[in-house]
PDB file of N, CA and C in Angstrom:
ATOM      1  N   UNK A   1       0.665  -1.206  -0.101  1.00  0.00           N
ATOM      2  CA  UNK A   1       0.107  -0.036  -0.009  1.00  0.00           C
ATOM      3  C   UNK A   1       1.014   1.494  -0.185  1.00  0.00           C
ATOM      4  N   UNK A   2       0.748   2.123  -0.950  1.00  0.00           N
ATOM      5  CA  UNK A   2       1.500   3.380  -0.988  1.00  0.00           C
ATOM      6  C   UNK A   2       1.252   4.160   0.178  1.00  0.00           C
ATOM      7  N   UNK A   3       2.244   4.753   0.458  1.00  0.00           N
ATOM      8  CA  UNK A   3       2.220   5.951   1.849  1.00  0.00           C
ATOM      9  C   UNK A   3       1.421   7.201   1.335  1.00  0.00           C
ATOM     10  N   UNK A   4       1.649   7.625   0.108  1.00  0.00           N
ATOM     11  CA  UNK A   4       0.950   8.757  -0.545  1.00  0.00           C
ATOM     12  C   UNK A   4       0.232   8.573  -1.718  1.00  0.00           C
ATOM     13  N   UNK A   5      -0.926   9.080  -1.702  1.00  0.00           N
ATOM     14  CA  UNK A   5      -1.936   9.246  -2.855  1.00  0.00           C
ATOM     15  C   UNK A   5      -1.252   9.924  -4.006  1.00  0.00           C
ATOM     16  N   UNK A   6      -1.231   9.431  -5.089  1.00  0.00           N
ATOM     17  CA  UNK A   6      -0.874  10.266  -6.465  1.00  0.00           C
ATOM     18  C   UNK A   6      -1.914  11.422  -6.539  1.00  0.00           C
ATOM     19  N   UNK A   7      -2.894  11.675  -6.351  1.00  0.00           N
ATOM     20  CA  UNK A   7      -3.685  12.615  -6.623  1.00  0.00           C
ATOM     21  C   UNK A   7      -4.441  13.094  -5.447  1.00  0.00           C
ATOM     22  N   UNK A   8      -4.583  14.298  -5.282  1.00  0.00           N
ATOM     23  CA  UNK A   8      -5.646  14.926  -4.003  1.00  0.00           C
ATOM     24  C   UNK A   8      -6.939  14.987  -4.657  1.00  0.00           C
ATOM     25  N   UNK A   9      -7.984  14.494  -3.950  1.00  0.00           N
ATOM     26  CA  UNK A   9      -9.440  14.676  -4.381  1.00  0.00           C
ATOM     27  C   UNK A   9      -9.852  15.814  -3.896  1.00  0.00           C
ATOM     28  N   UNK A  10     -10.327  16.794  -4.770  1.00  0.00           N
ATOM     29  CA  UNK A  10     -10.779  17.954  -4.697  1.00  0.00           C
ATOM     30  C   UNK A  10     -12.077  17.896  -3.828  1.00  0.00           C
ATOM     31  N   UNK A  11     -12.467  18.802  -3.028  1.00  0.00           N
ATOM     32  CA  UNK A  11     -13.494  19.128  -2.363  1.00  0.00           C
ATOM     33  C   UNK A  11     -14.466  20.299  -3.058  1.00  0.00           C
ATOM     34  N   UNK A  12     -15.837  20.191  -2.990  1.00  0.00           N
ATOM     35  CA  UNK A  12     -16.804  20.904  -3.675  1.00  0.00           C
ATOM     36  C   UNK A  12     -16.682  22.221  -3.102  1.00  0.00           C
ATOM     37  N   UNK A  13     -16.502  23.282  -3.870  1.00  0.00           N
ATOM     38  CA  UNK A  13     -16.590  24.408  -3.123  1.00  0.00           C
ATOM     39  C   UNK A  13     -14.985  25.049  -3.273  1.00  0.00           C
ATOM     40  N   UNK A  14     -13.927  24.514  -3.408  1.00  0.00           N
ATOM     41  CA  UNK A  14     -12.641  24.624  -3.289  1.00  0.00           C
ATOM     42  C   UNK A  14     -12.349  24.997  -4.723  1.00  0.00           C
ATOM     43  N   UNK A  15     -11.754  26.367  -5.060  1.00  0.00           N
ATOM     44  CA  UNK A  15     -11.311  26.812  -6.452  1.00  0.00           C
ATOM     45  C   UNK A  15      -9.833  27.022  -6.431  1.00  0.00           C
ATOM     46  N   UNK A  16      -9.399  26.690  -7.385  1.00  0.00           N
ATOM     47  CA  UNK A  16      -7.824  26.725  -7.835  1.00  0.00           C
ATOM     48  C   UNK A  16      -7.489  27.382  -9.034  1.00  0.00           C
ATOM     49  N   UNK A  17      -6.585  27.955  -9.184  1.00  0.00           N
ATOM     50  CA  UNK A  17      -6.013  28.650 -10.384  1.00  0.00           C
ATOM     51  C   UNK A  17      -4.839  27.691 -11.096  1.00  0.00           C
ATOM     52  N   UNK A  18      -5.091  26.911 -12.264  1.00  0.00           N
ATOM     53  CA  UNK A  18      -4.005  26.092 -12.754  1.00  0.00           C
ATOM     54  C   UNK A  18      -2.939  27.030 -13.267  1.00  0.00           C
ATOM     55  N   UNK A  19      -1.691  27.088 -13.040  1.00  0.00           N
ATOM     56  CA  UNK A  19      -0.598  27.910 -14.026  1.00  0.00           C
ATOM     57  C   UNK A  19      -0.263  27.205 -15.113  1.00  0.00           C
ATOM     58  N   UNK A  20      -0.320  25.932 -15.381  1.00  0.00           N
ATOM     59  CA  UNK A  20      -0.152  25.181 -16.514  1.00  0.00           C
ATOM     60  C   UNK A  20      -0.919  25.541 -17.658  1.00  0.00           C
ATOM     61  N   UNK A  21      -2.341  25.456 -17.224  1.00  0.00           N
ATOM     62  CA  UNK A  21      -3.380  25.488 -18.105  1.00  0.00           C
ATOM     63  C   UNK A  21      -4.158  26.693 -18.163  1.00  0.00           C
ATOM     64  N   UNK A  22      -3.760  27.602 -17.365  1.00  0.00           N
ATOM     65  CA  UNK A  22      -4.194  29.111 -17.074  1.00  0.00           C
ATOM     66  C   UNK A  22      -5.405  28.831 -17.294  1.00  0.00           C
ATOM     67  N   UNK A  23      -6.298  28.283 -16.268  1.00  0.00           N
ATOM     68  CA  UNK A  23      -7.781  27.980 -16.196  1.00  0.00           C
ATOM     69  C   UNK A  23      -8.274  27.893 -14.460  1.00  0.00           C
ATOM     70  N   UNK A  24      -9.441  28.305 -14.357  1.00  0.00           N
ATOM     71  CA  UNK A  24      -9.835  27.948 -12.962  1.00  0.00           C
ATOM     72  C   UNK A  24     -10.511  26.436 -12.866  1.00  0.00           C
ATOM     73  N   UNK A  25     -10.198  25.746 -11.632  1.00  0.00           N
ATOM     74  CA  UNK A  25     -10.756  24.386 -11.522  1.00  0.00           C
ATOM     75  C   UNK A  25     -11.450  24.319 -10.175  1.00  0.00           C
ATOM     76  N   UNK A  26     -12.432  23.630 -10.244  1.00  0.00           N
ATOM     77  CA  UNK A  26     -12.997  23.286  -8.819  1.00  0.00           C
ATOM     78  C   UNK A  26     -12.661  22.073  -8.388  1.00  0.00           C
ATOM     79  N   UNK A  27     -11.638  22.089  -7.136  1.00  0.00           N
ATOM     80  CA  UNK A  27     -11.184  20.913  -6.829  1.00  0.00           C
ATOM     81  C   UNK A  27      -9.810  21.024  -7.314  1.00  0.00           C
ATOM     82  N   UNK A  28      -8.742  20.400  -6.830  1.00  0.00           N
ATOM     83  CA  UNK A  28      -7.409  20.148  -7.263  1.00  0.00           C
ATOM     84  C   UNK A  28      -7.485  19.206  -8.449  1.00  0.00           C
ATOM     85  N   UNK A  29      -7.301  19.633  -9.595  1.00  0.00           N
ATOM     86  CA  UNK A  29      -7.201  18.756 -10.892  1.00  0.00           C
ATOM     87  C   UNK A  29      -5.910  18.413 -11.084  1.00  0.00           C
ATOM     88  N   UNK A  30      -4.927  19.806 -11.059  1.00  0.00           N
ATOM     89  CA  UNK A  30      -3.514  19.406 -11.568  1.00  0.00           C
ATOM     90  C   UNK A  30      -2.839  19.623  -9.940  1.00  0.00           C
ATOM     91  N   UNK A  31      -1.504  19.003 -10.186  1.00  0.00           N
ATOM     92  CA  UNK A  31      -0.610  18.761  -9.283  1.00  0.00           C
ATOM     93  C   UNK A  31      -0.250  20.195  -8.323  1.00  0.00           C
ATOM     94  N   UNK A  32      -0.060  20.142  -7.221  1.00  0.00           N
ATOM     95  CA  UNK A  32       0.120  21.495  -6.260  1.00  0.00           C
ATOM     96  C   UNK A  32       1.238  22.132  -6.645  1.00  0.00           C
ATOM     97  N   UNK A  33       2.165  21.779  -7.576  1.00  0.00           N
ATOM     98  CA  UNK A  33       3.085  22.723  -8.207  1.00  0.00           C
ATOM     99  C   UNK A  33       2.869  23.613  -9.083  1.00  0.00           C
ATOM    100  N   UNK A  34       1.411  23.258  -9.627  1.00  0.00           N
ATOM    101  CA  UNK A  34       1.013  23.781 -10.963  1.00  0.00           C
ATOM    102  C   UNK A  34      -0.206  24.759 -10.526  1.00  0.00           C
ATOM    103  N   UNK A  35      -0.293  25.066  -9.239  1.00  0.00           N
ATOM    104  CA  UNK A  35      -1.783  25.831  -8.957  1.00  0.00           C
ATOM    105  C   UNK A  35      -1.574  26.812  -7.756  1.00  0.00           C
ATOM    106  N   UNK A  36      -2.234  27.635  -7.998  1.00  0.00           N
ATOM    107  CA  UNK A  36      -2.536  28.779  -6.669  1.00  0.00           C
ATOM    108  C   UNK A  36      -4.061  28.067  -6.081  1.00  0.00           C
ATOM    109  N   UNK A  37      -4.141  28.390  -4.723  1.00  0.00           N
ATOM    110  CA  UNK A  37      -5.236  27.974  -4.340  1.00  0.00           C
ATOM    111  C   UNK A  37      -5.179  27.165  -2.973  1.00  0.00           C
ATOM    112  N   UNK A  38      -6.256  27.203  -2.237  1.00  0.00           N
ATOM    113  CA  UNK A  38      -7.742  27.193  -2.440  1.00  0.00           C
ATOM    114  C   UNK A  38      -8.435  28.420  -2.610  1.00  0.00           C
ATOM    115  N   UNK A  39      -9.007  28.921  -3.144  1.00  0.00           N
ATOM    116  CA  UNK A  39      -9.956  30.098  -3.260  1.00  0.00           C
ATOM    117  C   UNK A  39     -11.232  29.774  -2.717  1.00  0.00           C
ATOM    118  N   UNK A  40     -12.001  30.758  -2.176  1.00  0.00           N
ATOM    119  CA  UNK A  40     -13.440  30.522  -1.609  1.00  0.00           C
ATOM    120  C   UNK A  40     -14.556  30.468  -2.848  1.00  0.00           C
ATOM    121  N   UNK A  41     -14.166  31.320  -3.936  1.00  0.00           N
ATOM    122  CA  UNK A  41     -15.135  31.228  -5.040  1.00  0.00           C
ATOM    123  C   UNK A  41     -14.518  31.203  -6.425  1.00  0.00           C
ATOM    124  N   UNK A  42     -15.126  31.062  -7.443  1.00  0.00           N
ATOM    125  CA  UNK A  42     -14.569  30.977  -8.784  1.00  0.00           C
ATOM    126  C   UNK A  42     -13.990  32.143  -9.129  1.00  0.00           C
ATOM    127  N   UNK A  43     -14.755  33.317  -8.759  1.00  0.00           N
ATOM    128  CA  UNK A  43     -14.182  34.432  -9.164  1.00  0.00           C
ATOM    129  C   UNK A  43     -12.847  35.202  -8.490  1.00  0.00           C
ATOM    130  N   UNK A  44     -12.715  34.434  -7.362  1.00  0.00           N
ATOM    131  CA  UNK A  44     -11.418  34.866  -6.551  1.00  0.00           C
ATOM    132  C   UNK A  44     -10.439  34.132  -7.039  1.00  0.00           C
ATOM    133  N   UNK A  45     -10.608  32.976  -7.619  1.00  0.00           N
ATOM    134  CA  UNK A  45      -9.792  31.926  -8.387  1.00  0.00           C
ATOM    135  C   UNK A  45      -9.270  32.540  -9.664  1.00  0.00           C
ATOM    136  N   UNK A  46     -10.136  33.208 -10.265  1.00  0.00           N
ATOM    137  CA  UNK A  46     -10.112  33.798 -11.731  1.00  0.00           C
ATOM    138  C   UNK A  46      -9.066  34.913 -11.540  1.00  0.00           C
ATOM    139  N   UNK A  47      -8.973  35.552 -10.426  1.00  0.00           N
ATOM    140  CA  UNK A  47      -8.007  36.791 -10.283  1.00  0.00           C
ATOM    141  C   UNK A  47      -6.930  36.436  -9.507  1.00  0.00           C
ATOM    142  N   UNK A  48      -6.398  35.143  -9.577  1.00  0.00           N
ATOM    143  CA  UNK A  48      -5.251  34.682  -8.695  1.00  0.00           C
ATOM    144  C   UNK A  48      -3.880  35.270  -9.091  1.00  0.00           C
ATOM    145  N   UNK A  49      -3.890  35.461 -10.392  1.00  0.00           N
ATOM    146  CA  UNK A  49      -2.469  36.153 -11.003  1.00  0.00           C
ATOM    147  C   UNK A  49      -2.484  37.766 -10.515  1.00  0.00           C
ATOM    148  N   UNK A  50      -3.659  38.388 -10.618  1.00  0.00           N
ATOM    149  CA  UNK A  50      -3.535  39.812 -10.216  1.00  0.00           C
ATOM    150  C   UNK A  50      -3.541  39.997  -8.411  1.00  0.00           C
ATOM    151  N   UNK A  51      -4.172  38.900  -7.732  1.00  0.00           N
ATOM    152  CA  UNK A  51      -3.365  38.760  -6.320  1.00  0.00           C
ATOM    153  C   UNK A  51      -2.378  38.437  -5.967  1.00  0.00           C
ATOM    154  N   UNK A  52      -1.666  37.491  -6.725  1.00  0.00           N
ATOM    155  CA  UNK A  52      -0.414  37.367  -6.443  1.00  0.00           C
ATOM    156  C   UNK A  52       0.667  38.636  -6.914  1.00  0.00           C
ATOM    157  N   UNK A  53       0.354  39.187  -8.194  1.00  0.00           N
ATOM    158  CA  UNK A  53       1.116  40.542  -8.332  1.00  0.00           C
ATOM    159  C   UNK A  53       1.006  41.463  -7.413  1.00  0.00           C
ATOM    160  N   UNK A  54      -0.204  41.801  -7.107  1.00  0.00           N
ATOM    161  CA  UNK A  54      -0.229  42.766  -5.915  1.00  0.00           C
ATOM    162  C   UNK A  54       0.468  42.286  -4.521  1.00  0.00           C
ATOM    163  N   UNK A  55       0.354  41.108  -4.115  1.00  0.00           N
ATOM    164  CA  UNK A  55       1.334  40.705  -2.967  1.00  0.00           C
ATOM    165  C   UNK A  55       2.750  40.768  -3.299  1.00  0.00           C
ATOM    166  N   UNK A  56       3.121  40.733  -4.649  1.00  0.00           N
ATOM    167  CA  UNK A  56       4.579  40.581  -4.867  1.00  0.00           C
ATOM    168  C   UNK A  56       4.922  42.131  -4.617  1.00  0.00           C
ATOM    169  N   UNK A  57       4.157  43.175  -4.905  1.00  0.00           N
ATOM    170  CA  UNK A  57       4.470  44.503  -5.114  1.00  0.00           C
ATOM    171  C   UNK A  57       4.534  44.924  -3.410  1.00  0.00           C
ATOM    172  N   UNK A  58       3.575  44.601  -2.897  1.00  0.00           N
ATOM    173  CA  UNK A  58       3.660  44.636  -1.261  1.00  0.00           C
ATOM    174  C   UNK A  58       4.969  44.118  -0.806  1.00  0.00           C
ATOM    175  N   UNK A  59       5.299  42.870  -1.023  1.00  0.00           N
ATOM    176  CA  UNK A  59       6.656  42.149  -0.428  1.00  0.00           C
ATOM    177  C   UNK A  59       7.761  43.010  -0.644  1.00  0.00           C
ATOM    178  N   UNK A  60       7.811  43.584  -2.164  1.00  0.00           N
ATOM    179  CA  UNK A  60       9.138  44.221  -2.717  1.00  0.00           C
ATOM    180  C   UNK A  60       9.433  45.371  -1.914  1.00  0.00           C
ATOM    181  N   UNK A  61       8.059  46.017  -1.211  1.00  0.00           N
ATOM    182  CA  UNK A  61       8.380  47.272  -0.659  1.00  0.00           C
ATOM    183  C   UNK A  61       8.485  47.065   0.852  1.00  0.00           C
ATOM    184  N   UNK A  62       8.465  45.881   1.502  1.00  0.00           N
ATOM    185  CA  UNK A  62       8.504  45.615   2.944  1.00  0.00           C
ATOM    186  C   UNK A  62      10.157  45.330   3.206  1.00  0.00           C
ATOM    187  N   UNK A  63      10.645  46.240   4.201  1.00  0.00           N
ATOM    188  CA  UNK A  63      12.018  46.064   4.450  1.00  0.00           C
ATOM    189  C   UNK A  63      12.336  44.640   4.943  1.00  0.00           C
ATOM    190  N   UNK A  64      11.642  44.093   5.802  1.00  0.00           N
ATOM    191  CA  UNK A  64      11.777  42.494   6.221  1.00  0.00           C
ATOM    192  C   UNK A  64      12.013  41.484   5.272  1.00  0.00           C
ATOM    193  N   UNK A  65      11.811  41.819   4.075  1.00  0.00           N
ATOM    194  CA  UNK A  65      12.071  40.771   2.945  1.00  0.00           C
ATOM    195  C   UNK A  65      13.617  41.176   2.314  1.00  0.00           C
ATOM    196  N   UNK A  66      14.098  42.142   2.852  1.00  0.00           N
ATOM    197  CA  UNK A  66      15.302  42.535   2.110  1.00  0.00           C
ATOM    198  C   UNK A  66      16.538  42.273   2.983  1.00  0.00           C
ATOM    199  N   UNK A  67      17.497  41.193   2.816  1.00  0.00           N
ATOM    200  CA  UNK A  67      18.352  40.840   3.956  1.00  0.00           C
ATOM    201  C   UNK A  67      19.475  42.116   4.049  1.00  0.00           C
ATOM    202  N   UNK A  68      19.949  42.716   2.940  1.00  0.00           N
ATOM    203  CA  UNK A  68      20.655  44.012   3.121  1.00  0.00           C
ATOM    204  C   UNK A  68      20.262  45.209   4.261  1.00  0.00           C
ATOM    205  N   UNK A  69      19.032  45.157   3.996  1.00  0.00           N
ATOM    206  CA  UNK A  69      18.178  46.220   5.034  1.00  0.00           C
ATOM    207  C   UNK A  69      18.077  45.942   6.377  1.00  0.00           C
ATOM    208  N   UNK A  70      18.267  44.504   6.557  1.00  0.00           N
ATOM    209  CA  UNK A  70      17.911  43.864   7.893  1.00  0.00           C
ATOM    210  C   UNK A  70      18.797  44.283   9.172  1.00  0.00           C
ATOM    211  N   UNK A  71      18.553  44.767  10.012  1.00  0.00           N
ATOM    212  CA  UNK A  71      19.434  44.946  11.078  1.00  0.00           C
ATOM    213  C   UNK A  71      20.144  43.689  11.673  1.00  0.00           C
ATOM    214  N   UNK A  72      21.411  43.559  12.043  1.00  0.00           N
ATOM    215  CA  UNK A  72      22.276  42.460  12.443  1.00  0.00           C
ATOM    216  C   UNK A  72      21.852  42.346  13.843  1.00  0.00           C
ATOM    217  N   UNK A  73      21.877  41.044  14.499  1.00  0.00           N
ATOM    218  CA  UNK A  73      22.109  40.822  15.709  1.00  0.00           C
ATOM    219  C   UNK A  73      23.311  40.442  16.208  1.00  0.00           C
ATOM    220  N   UNK A  74      23.348  40.627  17.515  1.00  0.00           N
ATOM    221  CA  UNK A  74      24.678  40.394  18.137  1.00  0.00           C
ATOM    222  C   UNK A  74      25.152  39.050  17.811  1.00  0.00           C
ATOM    223  N   UNK A  75      26.501  39.109  17.667  1.00  0.00           N
ATOM    224  CA  UNK A  75      27.025  37.969  17.321  1.00  0.00           C
ATOM    225  C   UNK A  75      27.001  37.313  16.042  1.00  0.00           C
ATOM    226  N   UNK A  76      26.352  37.912  14.934  1.00  0.00           N
ATOM    227  CA  UNK A  76      26.156  37.525  13.650  1.00  0.00           C
ATOM    228  C   UNK A  76      27.369  38.186  12.789  1.00  0.00           C
ATOM    229  N   UNK A  77      27.782  37.151  11.867  1.00  0.00           N
ATOM    230  CA  UNK A  77      28.898  37.937  11.003  1.00  0.00           C
ATOM    231  C   UNK A  77      28.380  38.869   9.890  1.00  0.00           C
TER     232      UNK A  77
END
């Protein structure tokens, strides 16, 4: 008996955006490495790329994500 299942069965009402096929799917049809989600609605999943772009812009402006700007703790080289 295998330890892990090859595919994850989707749950009704969970929406994903497939990066490979560039489409919205209910329940995970594609592997986790190829999808964003889960989202609460089809509409939210349809905007997955826009949501990701907005988050990337927020993170780029966040000093906690830039190692050069991070203050050093005592004892660190």
